[in-house]
Each structure stands twice: as structure tokens, then as C-alpha cells.
Amino acid sequence: MSNQPVYVLGVGLTKFIKPRGKVDYPEMGYEAGVKAMLDAGITYDDVNLGVACYAYGDSTCGQRVFYQFGMTQIPIYNQNNNCATGSTGIHLARTLLSTSPILNVALVVGFEKMAPGSLKSNFPSHTSPVDKLSRMMFETNGVDMKAPGAAQFFGNAGREYMKLYGATKEDLAEVARVGHAHSVKNPYSQFQDIYTLEQILSSPTVFDPLTKLQCCPTSDGAAAAVLVTQRFLDAHPSLKSRAVLIAGQGMTTDAPSAFSRSAIDLIGYDMTTRAAAIAYQEANYDPAANPPSNSSPVIVELHDCFSANVLPTLDALKLTPKRGTAHHLYRSGEATYGPKSRMVVNPSGGLISKGHPLGATGIGQCAELVWQLRGWANNRLVEGAEVAVQHNLGLGGAGVVTVYKRADGGRARKVSDEEVKMVVGMEYNPAVEARTGVSEEMRKRVCSRDRFVEYMHQQKRGEERAAL
């Protein structure tokens, strides 16, 4: 697909928080974008195009966020692809950069201001885009009117996996236990709590076999990434040490098998298998021929909206010895840190702990993997990893799989906080410490020099808010 290589040069995050309306999306998106440009060592005047990623908001929310960096008249794309929105934005930016003779730098910003509770449609008078998938679920497994729809889709897939391959409720709970344990070292995670297997199993049932602690929370938050071309990187050699190559990427939609009457197929198993095949081929990565090992582990950020999605997805990503064996990776300790580790799944804590602000989720996964491969995530580093795999899924449907590698082809090695501070010129290492807000000094370093508009930063008065 790619005419020239594209790299992630910078990433930035806000803390993911409970959706209580305390911070609005312009502030969240602005903070993430400024942090990403600081991380990349660029200014907004370098940016040729913007991509705004969000699922809940009006049509030009992206401009409202981006105009705060400067009104440079670049094209800004607003896009929504359900839970895969963030990764779709990265895919769009990469495609445009890799094929353009003139575009060199893209800023992708994902943000979400959500309502508390389970996901609901904002347009009840419109036909649901998942109406046929929902009908198939009803015909094959029935519908529980008291349970959230998404939990039923993935819960049914979990039941099917258990029936076909001998996994147990304890296996699904162990997936969640591992994710929660990882979250403690991620300062951006909405929840940073350790639970025992018994606590996870005994938490309130959402939809059997899923309990509350096996389900991701809705969240407010933002994430951003700066993507650049090989051409830009060659012209700025001092920035190469922080660049991470997007070695391969595949984006797919549903296959006819979605209606095979299999609950696993219904949640997009074949979307993931095809997206992974495309990404692996482009990246020259074959996990079957070169399986992950303790000496060469793989870092995986996987769309664990529910614990039940993890096991079939690891199979679909070909990261298991054969289909139906993913639960054995958790039983043996091969999917987390430790002497038996072959991979670390969701070192960030995953959606179950970190939270799931839809537009920001995929870019947040990207940020974790970039920090891992750079060696900046030194409190949770998957040492020695050469390859990082990202999986982001949206029902309805969209599946994005991305393979990242270090620009120098090397392995992840630990970098000290002091070294990181010297590289980015900040007072802290953003991979291991989350600081909230944007200072005037940060703004001056990255926002447009001559097209910054102060008016975009004025607070609305009470009467204006009421009128709007």
C-alpha cells in the first residue's frame, strides 16, 4: 500500500477519566495535540493535514479542536468508525501521507466526551447500523432486555469459545485480572486497581459469563499522534531517534461470515484475520514462522472491550499455536510479564482498566506501543521486543491491525527518565507520569507562530453557553 514509509514521530495523552462532564472535548483535544507535537519536536506550522476522531459530537468538532493550535487553513477530516475510530484516523493519515508527493506531516487527534453508562444511540429515529447483526444475535442466542447490547455480543462469543475449546469462566476472569494488574503502572489509566480472580468472578454479573470487572468503562479522554513521511524524517535527522515505523497496517470491514450464525464470527473474527494478514504481509512479519518467545517477546495492545473478546482475537491475530488455545497462554503466564512470558497483552491495562473513550482509544493504544518500543515506558517495559501489534475493533464494522517496529530495526531497551527529559525538553517522562493541562510555555513551543488566534481560547460567558 505504502509508496513511502510513514512513522509515528510523537504521541500525547490526557488522563482517561469517568464521564462526568468535568472537561469538554476542546480542552481534552488541545492538551493531547500539544503534548503530541512536543513529543515529536515539531510545531503546528509543520502540519499539512489534520484528522479528528470522535464518535459522539457534531460534524466539525475537529475544527473546534484544531483551530486552537492555529488557523493555518490545512484540510481537517472529521471521521467516526465506532470503537475503531482512532485507528481509522491513523490509517487515513498514513494513507494520505504515503501516497502524496507534497504532504509530510499529519496530526491525528482523537477525543470523546461520553455519557455515563453503557453505549446508546444518539439517533433513535434512524435505522441502527448494527440492526442486522442484532437480529442475527437474537435469532441465534436470544436477547436479554436488561443487559447492554455490546455485552451480549461479546458475552455470547465468550460462551461459544468456552463450548468449543474448553475455556472456563475462570479463564475469562484471568484475562481481566491480568489487565487490571498491568494498569497500576499506567498513569493515564482510568482505574489502577489490583483484583484477585475471586473478586473479579464475584463482581456483579453484567451478562453471563461477564462480570462488571470484565467490562470496559465509558470514559472521557483524548489522545493524539504525529505521523510523518520518510521524506520529512530524512530532512530532520535529529528527530529520527524518536520515530517508530508503521511497518504494516490493514483495515477491513465485515465478511459474509458475520452471518454464519457463529457468535465469534458475529463480533468480527474474520475482520481481524484479514486485517492481520494484510498488516503482517506488509511488515514482513509471520508469527507462525517466528512465534513470540521469552527472548523475543511481542507487545500487544488488543481491543479488550470485554474479556471475552481477547481469546478469539489472539487466535485471529495468529499469536497462538493454533486456534482455540488462547486461554492456555493465560493459564501458563505467557501473556504477561514474567519468566514464562512470550508476549505482554495490554501493558497499558487495556480498555477494561484504562477506559474506552471511543475516538481516543486506538490512538491511545498507539501511544503505549510507541513508548514501549522507544523504551520510555521504563516502569512497565517489555524488554527486548522488536515488534508491537495493535488491534482496534468496531462493531458494524471496522477492524484495524497495525504492526510497529523501531526505525533503527532494533529492540526495545530501557531509557531513563533523565534521558527522556533531555530528548523532549520537558520536566518529566510522559510515558510514566501524567500531568494535566497545557502551560503557556508549552503552547508557545508548538502552536502556530503567526496564525495562532487568541480568540479561540477565550472562555464562553454564562449567557453564551445558555444561548448555544
Protein backbone atom coordinates (compact mmCIF):
# COMPACT_ATOMS: atom_id res chain seq x y z
CA MET A 1 0.00 0.00 0.00
CA SER A 2 2.68 2.45 1.06
CA ASN A 3 4.62 4.44 -1.54
CA GLN A 4 6.95 5.71 1.15
CA PRO A 5 7.34 4.72 4.79
CA VAL A 6 5.36 6.59 7.43
CA TYR A 7 6.42 6.94 11.05
CA VAL A 8 4.81 7.91 14.33
CA LEU A 9 7.02 10.76 15.49
CA GLY A 10 5.09 11.93 18.54
CA VAL A 11 2.21 10.94 20.81
CA GLY A 12 0.26 12.63 23.58
CA LEU A 13 -2.48 11.66 26.02
CA THR A 14 -4.79 13.12 28.61
CA LYS A 15 -5.77 11.06 31.58
CA PHE A 16 -8.80 8.89 30.81
CA ILE A 17 -11.47 9.79 33.37
CA LYS A 18 -15.01 8.92 34.35
CA PRO A 19 -17.55 10.63 32.05
CA ARG A 20 -18.88 13.28 34.43
CA GLY A 21 -18.71 16.30 32.11
CA LYS A 22 -15.89 17.95 34.05
CA VAL A 23 -13.75 18.59 30.96
CA ASP A 24 -15.07 19.43 27.50
CA TYR A 25 -13.70 17.99 24.27
CA PRO A 26 -11.91 21.16 23.03
CA GLU A 27 -9.75 21.22 26.16
CA MET A 28 -9.05 17.48 26.01
CA GLY A 29 -8.17 17.51 22.32
CA TYR A 30 -5.99 20.60 22.71
CA GLU A 31 -4.00 19.07 25.56
CA ALA A 32 -3.38 15.80 23.71
CA GLY A 33 -2.41 17.59 20.50
CA VAL A 34 0.04 19.96 22.19
CA LYS A 35 1.67 17.05 24.02
CA ALA A 36 1.99 15.05 20.78
CA MET A 37 3.68 17.93 18.96
CA LEU A 38 6.06 18.49 21.89
CA ASP A 39 6.84 14.78 21.85
CA ALA A 40 7.50 14.94 18.09
CA GLY A 41 9.67 18.04 18.24
CA ILE A 42 7.57 19.93 15.69
CA THR A 43 5.26 22.93 15.59
CA TYR A 44 1.76 23.22 14.15
CA ASP A 45 3.22 25.17 11.23
CA ASP A 46 4.83 21.89 10.13
CA VAL A 47 1.45 20.10 9.98
CA ASN A 48 -0.07 19.63 6.49
CA LEU A 49 -3.31 17.88 7.42
CA GLY A 50 -5.41 17.06 10.46
CA VAL A 51 -7.64 14.12 11.28
CA ALA A 52 -10.16 14.40 14.08
CA CYS A 53 -11.53 11.15 15.53
CA TYR A 54 -14.71 11.05 17.61
CA ALA A 55 -17.98 9.13 17.74
CA TYR A 56 -20.14 11.45 19.81
CA GLY A 57 -20.26 15.03 18.55
CA ASP A 58 -21.37 17.38 15.81
CA SER A 59 -19.87 17.38 12.36
CA THR A 60 -16.99 19.87 12.68
CA CYS A 61 -15.80 19.24 16.23
CA GLY A 62 -12.39 18.61 14.72
CA GLN A 63 -12.05 22.19 13.54
CA ARG A 64 -13.06 23.40 17.00
CA VAL A 65 -10.12 21.45 18.45
CA PHE A 66 -7.55 22.14 15.74
CA TYR A 67 -8.21 25.89 15.46
CA GLN A 68 -6.75 26.21 18.95
CA PHE A 69 -3.33 25.26 17.55
CA GLY A 70 -3.61 27.87 14.81
CA MET A 71 -5.83 28.69 11.85
CA THR A 72 -3.45 27.58 9.12
CA GLN A 73 -6.18 26.54 6.66
CA ILE A 74 -4.98 22.94 6.36
CA PRO A 75 -7.55 20.26 5.49
CA ILE A 76 -9.15 18.70 8.56
CA TYR A 77 -11.01 15.39 8.27
CA ASN A 78 -13.70 14.51 10.80
CA GLN A 79 -14.36 10.78 10.99
CA ASN A 80 -16.26 8.22 13.04
CA ASN A 81 -15.92 4.44 12.79
CA ASN A 82 -17.45 3.25 16.05
CA CYS A 83 -14.90 1.83 18.51
CA ALA A 84 -12.22 1.66 15.78
CA THR A 85 -12.42 5.42 15.20
CA GLY A 86 -8.91 6.26 16.46
CA SER A 87 -7.10 3.61 14.45
CA THR A 88 -9.16 4.50 11.40
CA GLY A 89 -7.83 8.05 11.75
CA ILE A 90 -4.25 6.78 11.84
CA HIS A 91 -4.95 4.60 8.79
CA LEU A 92 -6.41 7.56 6.90
CA ALA A 93 -3.48 9.84 7.76
CA ARG A 94 -0.94 7.19 6.84
CA THR A 95 -2.63 6.50 3.51
CA LEU A 96 -2.70 10.18 2.59
CA LEU A 97 0.92 10.78 3.60
CA SER A 98 2.35 7.66 1.99
CA THR A 99 0.80 8.39 -1.39
CA SER A 100 1.24 12.17 -1.58
CA PRO A 101 4.16 13.95 -3.25
CA ILE A 102 3.66 17.07 -1.09
CA LEU A 103 2.15 16.08 2.28
CA ASN A 104 4.66 15.25 5.00
CA VAL A 105 3.14 15.73 8.46
CA ALA A 106 -0.28 14.77 9.84
CA LEU A 107 -1.72 15.42 13.28
CA VAL A 108 -4.34 12.87 14.36
CA VAL A 109 -6.37 13.79 17.43
CA GLY A 110 -8.99 11.52 18.98
CA PHE A 111 -11.30 12.67 21.75
CA GLU A 112 -14.55 11.73 23.37
CA LYS A 113 -16.92 13.29 25.87
CA MET A 114 -19.27 10.46 26.75
CA ALA A 115 -22.41 9.90 28.77
CA PRO A 116 -22.21 7.65 31.85
CA GLY A 117 -23.37 4.05 31.49
CA SER A 118 -23.43 1.66 28.55
CA LEU A 119 -23.30 2.85 24.94
CA LYS A 120 -26.52 4.16 23.45
CA SER A 121 -27.55 5.53 20.08
CA ASN A 122 -27.80 9.30 19.70
CA PHE A 123 -30.22 8.89 16.80
CA PRO A 124 -33.09 6.63 17.89
CA SER A 125 -35.19 7.69 14.89
CA HIS A 126 -32.54 6.34 12.47
CA THR A 127 -32.04 2.72 11.49
CA SER A 128 -29.25 1.28 13.65
CA PRO A 129 -26.13 0.42 11.64
CA VAL A 130 -25.93 -2.86 13.57
CA ASP A 131 -29.61 -3.79 13.19
CA LYS A 132 -28.87 -6.88 11.05
CA LEU A 133 -26.11 -8.02 13.41
CA SER A 134 -28.51 -7.58 16.31
CA ARG A 135 -31.19 -9.60 14.53
CA MET A 136 -28.71 -12.41 13.92
CA MET A 137 -27.81 -12.37 17.62
CA PHE A 138 -31.50 -12.54 18.52
CA GLU A 139 -32.11 -15.45 16.15
CA THR A 140 -29.14 -17.47 17.40
CA ASN A 141 -28.84 -16.62 21.09
CA GLY A 142 -31.83 -14.53 22.04
CA VAL A 143 -31.74 -11.11 23.63
CA ASP A 144 -31.63 -10.11 27.29
CA MET A 145 -33.54 -6.82 27.53
CA LYS A 146 -31.84 -6.00 30.84
CA ALA A 147 -28.24 -6.35 29.62
CA PRO A 148 -26.25 -3.90 27.45
CA GLY A 149 -26.24 -4.89 23.80
CA ALA A 150 -22.46 -4.84 23.40
CA ALA A 151 -22.01 -7.10 26.42
CA GLN A 152 -24.38 -9.59 24.83
CA PHE A 153 -22.48 -9.65 21.52
CA PHE A 154 -19.17 -10.35 23.21
CA GLY A 155 -20.59 -12.42 26.06
CA ASN A 156 -22.15 -14.80 23.55
CA ALA A 157 -18.78 -15.08 21.79
CA GLY A 158 -17.24 -15.96 25.14
CA ARG A 159 -19.83 -18.69 25.72
CA GLU A 160 -19.12 -20.11 22.27
CA TYR A 161 -15.36 -20.09 22.86
CA MET A 162 -15.85 -21.93 26.14
CA LYS A 163 -18.08 -24.52 24.50
CA LEU A 164 -15.81 -25.12 21.50
CA TYR A 165 -12.39 -25.02 23.12
CA GLY A 166 -12.77 -25.83 26.78
CA ALA A 167 -12.09 -22.39 28.22
CA THR A 168 -13.80 -21.58 31.51
CA LYS A 169 -15.27 -18.58 33.29
CA GLU A 170 -12.07 -18.52 35.31
CA ASP A 171 -10.07 -18.12 32.09
CA LEU A 172 -12.10 -15.08 31.06
CA ALA A 173 -11.73 -13.63 34.54
CA GLU A 174 -7.97 -14.22 34.40
CA VAL A 175 -7.80 -12.10 31.25
CA ALA A 176 -9.35 -9.24 33.20
CA ARG A 177 -7.19 -9.87 36.27
CA VAL A 178 -4.03 -9.55 34.18
CA GLY A 179 -5.24 -6.34 32.55
CA HIS A 180 -6.11 -4.76 35.88
CA ALA A 181 -2.69 -5.75 37.25
CA HIS A 182 -0.95 -4.04 34.32
CA SER A 183 -2.93 -0.81 34.78
CA VAL A 184 -1.23 0.05 38.06
CA LYS A 185 1.84 1.27 36.18
CA ASN A 186 -0.04 3.30 33.56
CA PRO A 187 -0.58 6.83 34.90
CA TYR A 188 -3.24 7.59 32.27
CA SER A 189 -5.49 4.66 33.22
CA GLN A 190 -8.98 5.44 34.50
CA PHE A 191 -8.71 2.64 37.04
CA GLN A 192 -5.47 1.48 38.66
CA ASP A 193 -6.61 -1.30 40.96
CA ILE A 194 -5.41 -4.84 41.50
CA TYR A 195 -8.06 -7.53 41.92
CA THR A 196 -7.92 -11.20 42.75
CA LEU A 197 -9.53 -13.75 40.47
CA GLU A 198 -12.20 -14.30 43.11
CA GLN A 199 -13.03 -10.59 43.27
CA ILE A 200 -13.46 -10.44 39.51
CA LEU A 201 -15.67 -13.51 39.43
CA SER A 202 -17.81 -12.27 42.32
CA SER A 203 -18.36 -8.74 40.99
CA PRO A 204 -21.90 -8.06 39.67
CA THR A 205 -22.89 -10.06 36.60
CA VAL A 206 -23.46 -7.91 33.52
CA PHE A 207 -24.19 -10.74 31.09
CA ASP A 208 -23.05 -14.25 31.90
CA PRO A 209 -20.14 -15.08 31.83
CA LEU A 210 -19.11 -11.41 32.01
CA THR A 211 -18.96 -9.61 35.34
CA LYS A 212 -18.55 -5.88 35.85
CA LEU A 213 -14.78 -6.10 36.26
CA GLN A 214 -14.53 -7.80 32.86
CA CYS A 215 -16.19 -4.91 31.02
CA CYS A 216 -14.56 -1.66 29.91
CA PRO A 217 -15.96 1.58 31.31
CA THR A 218 -17.09 4.55 29.24
CA SER A 219 -14.63 7.41 29.57
CA ASP A 220 -13.76 10.99 28.73
CA GLY A 221 -10.31 11.50 27.28
CA ALA A 222 -8.14 12.35 24.31
CA ALA A 223 -5.07 11.06 22.52
CA ALA A 224 -3.01 12.37 19.62
CA ALA A 225 -0.30 11.20 17.26
CA VAL A 226 2.01 12.98 14.81
CA LEU A 227 2.69 10.98 11.64
CA VAL A 228 5.49 11.91 9.24
CA THR A 229 6.89 10.65 5.96
CA GLN A 230 10.35 9.26 5.28
CA ARG A 231 10.95 12.45 3.30
CA PHE A 232 10.32 14.61 6.38
CA LEU A 233 12.44 12.41 8.62
CA ASP A 234 15.36 12.49 6.19
CA ALA A 235 15.18 16.29 6.25
CA HIS A 236 15.19 16.31 10.07
CA PRO A 237 17.76 13.69 11.10
CA SER A 238 17.85 14.91 14.71
CA LEU A 239 14.31 13.55 15.16
CA LYS A 240 14.99 10.01 13.94
CA SER A 241 15.73 8.57 17.37
CA ARG A 242 12.12 9.07 18.49
CA ALA A 243 10.45 7.81 15.29
CA VAL A 244 8.59 4.48 15.27
CA LEU A 245 7.84 2.88 11.91
CA ILE A 246 4.32 1.84 10.94
CA ALA A 247 5.68 -1.30 9.34
CA GLY A 248 2.33 -2.69 8.23
CA GLN A 249 -1.34 -1.89 8.57
CA GLY A 250 -4.60 -3.46 7.50
CA MET A 251 -8.11 -2.09 7.77
CA THR A 252 -11.11 -4.24 6.93
CA THR A 253 -14.87 -4.48 7.25
CA ASP A 254 -17.22 -7.38 7.87
CA ALA A 255 -17.11 -10.57 5.81
CA PRO A 256 -20.17 -12.67 4.85
CA SER A 257 -19.16 -14.98 7.73
CA ALA A 258 -20.58 -12.37 10.12
CA PHE A 259 -23.91 -14.09 9.38
CA SER A 260 -22.63 -17.65 9.70
CA ARG A 261 -24.63 -17.99 12.95
CA SER A 262 -21.41 -18.13 14.96
CA ALA A 263 -21.23 -15.63 17.83
CA ILE A 264 -17.45 -15.38 17.35
CA ASP A 265 -17.86 -14.58 13.66
CA LEU A 266 -20.57 -12.07 14.54
CA ILE A 267 -18.10 -9.91 16.52
CA GLY A 268 -15.72 -9.67 13.58
CA TYR A 269 -13.32 -12.63 13.77
CA ASP A 270 -12.72 -12.55 10.02
CA MET A 271 -12.25 -8.79 10.03
CA THR A 272 -9.33 -9.31 12.38
CA THR A 273 -7.85 -12.27 10.49
CA ARG A 274 -7.86 -10.37 7.20
CA ALA A 275 -6.58 -7.10 8.70
CA ALA A 276 -3.78 -9.01 10.42
CA ALA A 277 -2.84 -10.83 7.20
CA ILE A 278 -2.59 -7.52 5.33
CA ALA A 279 -0.55 -5.86 8.08
CA TYR A 280 1.77 -8.85 8.57
CA GLN A 281 2.49 -9.21 4.87
CA GLU A 282 3.41 -5.55 4.54
CA ALA A 283 5.53 -5.65 7.70
CA ASN A 284 7.23 -8.91 6.67
CA TYR A 285 6.14 -10.40 9.98
CA ASP A 286 4.98 -14.00 10.33
CA PRO A 287 4.14 -15.01 13.92
CA ALA A 288 3.54 -18.58 12.79
CA ALA A 289 7.03 -18.95 11.33
CA ASN A 290 8.65 -16.89 14.09
CA PRO A 291 6.42 -17.29 17.13
CA PRO A 292 6.83 -14.94 20.10
CA SER A 293 9.28 -16.20 22.69
CA ASN A 294 10.77 -15.20 26.01
CA SER A 295 13.88 -13.93 24.24
CA SER A 296 11.90 -12.15 21.53
CA PRO A 297 8.55 -11.14 23.06
CA VAL A 298 5.79 -9.29 21.24
CA ILE A 299 3.95 -6.30 22.67
CA VAL A 300 0.20 -6.42 22.00
CA GLU A 301 -2.39 -3.72 22.54
CA LEU A 302 -5.65 -5.54 21.92
CA HIS A 303 -9.25 -4.29 21.90
CA ASP A 304 -10.43 -5.83 25.18
CA CYS A 305 -13.77 -4.04 25.39
CA PHE A 306 -14.78 -7.22 27.23
CA SER A 307 -12.53 -10.01 28.46
CA ALA A 308 -14.40 -12.43 26.18
CA ASN A 309 -13.01 -10.65 23.12
CA VAL A 310 -9.38 -11.29 23.99
CA LEU A 311 -9.22 -15.06 23.47
CA PRO A 312 -10.72 -15.27 19.96
CA THR A 313 -8.79 -12.16 18.94
CA LEU A 314 -5.43 -13.66 19.93
CA ASP A 315 -6.35 -16.62 17.74
CA ALA A 316 -7.35 -14.33 14.87
CA LEU A 317 -4.05 -12.45 15.19
CA LYS A 318 -2.22 -15.79 14.83
CA LEU A 319 -0.45 -15.22 18.14
CA THR A 320 -1.49 -18.63 19.48
CA PRO A 321 -0.05 -22.02 18.46
CA LYS A 322 -3.41 -22.95 16.96
CA ARG A 323 -6.97 -21.71 17.10
CA GLY A 324 -8.71 -22.32 20.39
CA THR A 325 -5.61 -22.24 22.60
CA ALA A 326 -5.50 -18.60 23.70
CA HIS A 327 -6.67 -19.38 27.23
CA HIS A 328 -3.63 -21.59 27.74
CA LEU A 329 -1.40 -18.51 27.33
CA TYR A 330 -3.07 -17.04 30.40
CA ARG A 331 -3.01 -20.27 32.38
CA SER A 332 0.74 -20.58 31.82
CA GLY A 333 1.66 -16.92 32.34
CA GLU A 334 2.84 -16.49 28.75
CA ALA A 335 0.67 -13.40 28.09
CA THR A 336 2.05 -11.19 30.85
CA TYR A 337 5.34 -10.20 32.43
CA GLY A 338 7.42 -12.95 33.97
CA PRO A 339 9.88 -15.77 33.29
CA LYS A 340 7.43 -17.61 31.01
CA SER A 341 6.37 -14.55 29.05
CA ARG A 342 6.10 -14.86 25.26
CA MET A 343 4.12 -11.65 24.85
CA VAL A 344 2.59 -8.97 27.02
CA VAL A 345 -1.04 -8.34 26.17
CA ASN A 346 -2.19 -4.82 27.05
CA PRO A 347 0.72 -3.50 29.10
CA SER A 348 -1.35 -0.30 29.35
CA GLY A 349 -4.05 -2.19 31.27
CA GLY A 350 -6.24 -2.36 28.20
CA LEU A 351 -9.69 -0.88 27.76
CA ILE A 352 -11.00 -2.78 30.80
CA SER A 353 -8.82 -0.69 33.13
CA LYS A 354 -7.64 2.25 31.06
CA GLY A 355 -11.11 3.16 29.83
CA HIS A 356 -12.69 3.46 26.40
CA PRO A 357 -13.24 7.00 25.06
CA LEU A 358 -14.13 5.76 21.59
CA GLY A 359 -12.34 8.33 19.44
CA ALA A 360 -9.20 8.25 21.57
CA THR A 361 -8.89 4.50 22.17
CA GLY A 362 -6.98 3.48 19.05
CA ILE A 363 -4.58 6.41 19.32
CA GLY A 364 -4.07 5.66 23.00
CA GLN A 365 -3.05 2.12 22.03
CA CYS A 366 -0.62 3.59 19.51
CA ALA A 367 0.89 5.84 22.20
CA GLU A 368 1.54 2.90 24.52
CA LEU A 369 3.28 0.92 21.80
CA VAL A 370 5.40 3.89 20.71
CA TRP A 371 6.54 4.47 24.30
CA GLN A 372 7.26 0.76 24.66
CA LEU A 373 9.40 0.47 21.52
CA ARG A 374 11.28 3.66 22.36
CA GLY A 375 12.00 2.24 25.82
CA TRP A 376 10.39 5.23 27.53
CA ALA A 377 7.76 3.13 29.36
CA ASN A 378 10.55 2.10 31.70
CA ASN A 379 8.26 1.13 34.61
CA ARG A 380 6.42 -1.49 32.52
CA LEU A 381 8.79 -2.14 29.62
CA VAL A 382 8.59 -5.30 27.53
CA GLU A 383 12.33 -5.53 27.23
CA GLY A 384 13.79 -6.95 24.04
CA ALA A 385 10.68 -6.60 21.89
CA GLU A 386 11.21 -5.94 18.18
CA VAL A 387 7.55 -6.00 17.14
CA ALA A 388 4.40 -4.39 18.53
CA VAL A 389 0.92 -5.33 17.32
CA GLN A 390 -2.16 -3.14 17.71
CA HIS A 391 -5.74 -4.35 17.30
CA ASN A 392 -8.75 -2.00 17.32
CA LEU A 393 -12.28 -3.19 16.52
CA GLY A 394 -15.67 -1.58 15.96
CA LEU A 395 -18.94 -3.45 15.59
CA GLY A 396 -20.78 -2.62 12.44
CA GLY A 397 -17.91 -2.96 11.46
CA ALA A 398 -14.28 -1.99 11.21
CA GLY A 399 -11.12 -3.81 12.16
CA VAL A 400 -7.65 -2.24 12.14
CA VAL A 401 -4.43 -4.13 12.82
CA THR A 402 -1.12 -2.26 12.86
CA VAL A 403 2.44 -3.53 13.21
CA TYR A 404 5.05 -1.16 14.63
CA LYS A 405 8.83 -1.52 14.65
CA ARG A 406 11.67 0.70 15.78
CA ALA A 407 13.01 2.92 12.99
CA ASP A 408 16.52 1.51 13.57
CA GLY A 409 15.27 -2.10 13.44
CA GLY A 410 16.43 -2.70 17.00
CA ARG A 411 14.84 -3.98 20.18
CA ALA A 412 13.18 -2.09 22.99
CA ARG A 413 15.68 -1.17 25.67
CA LYS A 414 15.09 0.78 28.84
CA VAL A 415 15.65 4.54 28.63
CA SER A 416 15.94 6.53 31.86
CA ASP A 417 13.62 9.38 32.77
CA GLU A 418 16.56 11.78 32.62
CA GLU A 419 17.34 10.73 29.04
CA VAL A 420 13.70 11.18 28.04
CA LYS A 421 13.60 14.66 29.56
CA MET A 422 16.62 15.67 27.51
CA VAL A 423 15.06 14.41 24.28
CA VAL A 424 11.69 16.16 24.63
CA GLY A 425 12.78 19.16 26.66
CA MET A 426 10.12 18.53 29.29
CA GLU A 427 10.36 18.29 33.07
CA TYR A 428 9.06 14.73 33.16
CA ASN A 429 8.82 11.49 31.21
CA PRO A 430 5.28 11.45 29.73
CA ALA A 431 5.31 7.66 29.39
CA VAL A 432 5.40 7.13 33.16
CA GLU A 433 3.92 10.35 34.55
CA ALA A 434 0.66 12.06 33.56
CA ARG A 435 0.46 15.79 34.09
CA THR A 436 -2.74 17.63 33.29
CA GLY A 437 -3.09 20.84 31.33
CA VAL A 438 -1.09 22.97 28.91
CA SER A 439 1.19 25.74 30.15
CA GLU A 440 1.83 28.96 28.26
CA GLU A 441 5.40 27.81 27.64
CA MET A 442 4.15 24.55 26.10
CA ARG A 443 1.73 26.48 23.89
CA LYS A 444 4.41 28.82 22.62
CA ARG A 445 6.69 25.93 21.71
CA VAL A 446 4.25 24.18 19.37
CA CYS A 447 1.31 26.37 18.30
CA SER A 448 1.44 28.32 15.05
CA ARG A 449 3.84 31.24 15.15
CA ASP A 450 1.83 33.72 13.08
CA ARG A 451 -1.60 32.08 12.79
CA PHE A 452 -2.37 31.47 16.45
CA VAL A 453 -5.74 33.08 17.29
CA GLU A 454 -6.15 34.08 20.92
CA TYR A 455 -9.91 34.39 20.44
CA MET A 456 -10.15 30.60 20.13
CA HIS A 457 -9.00 30.30 23.75
CA GLN A 458 -11.42 32.76 25.34
CA GLN A 459 -13.82 31.16 27.81
CA LYS A 460 -17.51 31.36 26.97
CA ARG A 461 -19.53 33.53 29.29
CA GLY A 462 -22.60 32.12 31.01
CA GLU A 463 -25.06 33.82 28.66
CA GLU A 464 -23.18 32.48 25.64
CA ARG A 465 -23.37 28.94 26.99
CA ALA A 466 -27.09 29.32 27.54
CA ALA A 467 -27.63 30.64 24.02
CA LEU A 468 -25.60 27.81 22.49
